[in-house]
């Protein structure tokens, strides 16, 4: 049976926190790029309206939630790392 690890590699934790922040920034940039495409593309009709509505109410919100979750995870990792350095 494998034993649970207790402890942490502080350098790896720092890298993880930095990566979470960088990926959150990338997700926000993706939101911006895709929103521009949705707004700038000439597309009319029911499918266009349906997609735009889903983009604005569902898809964009899910990506914003992802960016927020990555930042929350970064905060948890950074706090835990800081506590272990003491």
Protein backbone atom coordinates (compact mmCIF):
# COMPACT_ATOMS: atom_id res chain seq x y z
CA UNK A 1 0.00 0.00 0.00
CA UNK A 2 1.36 3.45 -0.90
CA UNK A 3 1.93 5.89 1.92
CA UNK A 4 0.53 9.41 1.77
CA UNK A 5 3.18 12.06 1.30
CA UNK A 6 3.49 14.65 4.01
CA UNK A 7 5.56 17.67 3.09
CA UNK A 8 6.13 19.59 -0.07
CA UNK A 9 8.72 20.73 -2.53
CA UNK A 10 8.56 24.49 -2.06
CA UNK A 11 10.11 25.25 -5.45
CA UNK A 12 7.54 23.07 -7.19
CA UNK A 13 4.74 24.74 -5.22
CA UNK A 14 6.00 28.16 -6.30
CA UNK A 15 6.13 27.00 -9.93
CA UNK A 16 2.60 25.60 -9.66
CA UNK A 17 1.25 28.88 -8.30
CA UNK A 18 2.97 30.82 -11.06
CA UNK A 19 1.61 28.42 -13.68
CA UNK A 20 -1.94 28.75 -12.32
CA UNK A 21 -1.70 32.54 -12.60
CA UNK A 22 -0.23 32.38 -16.10
CA UNK A 23 -2.98 30.02 -17.26
CA UNK A 24 -5.66 32.27 -15.72
CA UNK A 25 -4.26 35.15 -17.78
CA UNK A 26 -4.35 32.92 -20.88
CA UNK A 27 -7.97 31.95 -20.24
CA UNK A 28 -8.89 35.64 -19.94
CA UNK A 29 -7.07 36.37 -23.20
CA UNK A 30 -8.98 33.51 -24.83
CA UNK A 31 -12.25 35.03 -23.63
CA UNK A 32 -11.26 38.36 -25.16
CA UNK A 33 -10.24 36.80 -28.48
CA UNK A 34 -13.35 34.67 -28.80
CA UNK A 35 -15.66 37.49 -27.76
CA UNK A 36 -14.14 39.61 -30.54
CA UNK A 37 -14.74 36.85 -33.07
CA UNK A 38 -18.34 36.41 -31.94
CA UNK A 39 -19.01 40.15 -32.04
CA UNK A 40 -17.17 40.89 -35.31
CA UNK A 41 -18.32 37.97 -37.45
CA UNK A 42 -21.26 38.67 -39.68
CA UNK A 43 -23.60 35.81 -38.96
CA UNK A 44 -27.35 36.17 -38.82
CA UNK A 45 -30.28 33.94 -38.11
CA UNK A 46 -31.50 31.60 -35.40
CA UNK A 47 -28.26 29.64 -35.06
CA UNK A 48 -26.24 32.83 -34.77
CA UNK A 49 -28.57 34.24 -32.11
CA UNK A 50 -28.61 30.94 -30.23
CA UNK A 51 -24.83 30.64 -30.25
CA UNK A 52 -24.28 34.26 -29.23
CA UNK A 53 -26.76 33.85 -26.37
CA UNK A 54 -25.00 30.68 -25.19
CA UNK A 55 -21.60 32.35 -25.54
CA UNK A 56 -22.71 35.29 -23.40
CA UNK A 57 -24.62 33.31 -20.78
CA UNK A 58 -22.90 29.95 -20.61
CA UNK A 59 -19.55 29.54 -22.35
CA UNK A 60 -17.94 32.85 -21.41
CA UNK A 61 -19.11 32.40 -17.82
CA UNK A 62 -17.61 28.92 -17.64
CA UNK A 63 -14.25 30.26 -18.82
CA UNK A 64 -14.42 33.12 -16.30
CA UNK A 65 -15.12 30.55 -13.60
CA UNK A 66 -12.08 28.58 -14.71
CA UNK A 67 -9.84 31.66 -14.52
CA UNK A 68 -11.21 32.41 -11.05
CA UNK A 69 -10.68 28.82 -9.89
CA UNK A 70 -7.07 28.91 -11.09
CA UNK A 71 -6.48 32.12 -9.13
CA UNK A 72 -8.11 30.62 -6.03
CA UNK A 73 -5.88 27.56 -6.38
CA UNK A 74 -2.84 29.84 -6.70
CA UNK A 75 -3.82 31.58 -3.47
CA UNK A 76 -4.18 28.24 -1.67
CA UNK A 77 -0.83 27.00 -2.97
CA UNK A 78 0.92 30.28 -2.12
CA UNK A 79 -0.57 30.34 1.39
CA UNK A 80 0.38 26.72 2.01
CA UNK A 81 3.88 27.33 0.68
CA UNK A 82 4.29 30.39 2.86
CA UNK A 83 3.15 28.47 5.93
CA UNK A 84 5.65 25.67 5.22
CA UNK A 85 8.54 28.12 4.94
CA UNK A 86 8.14 29.20 8.54
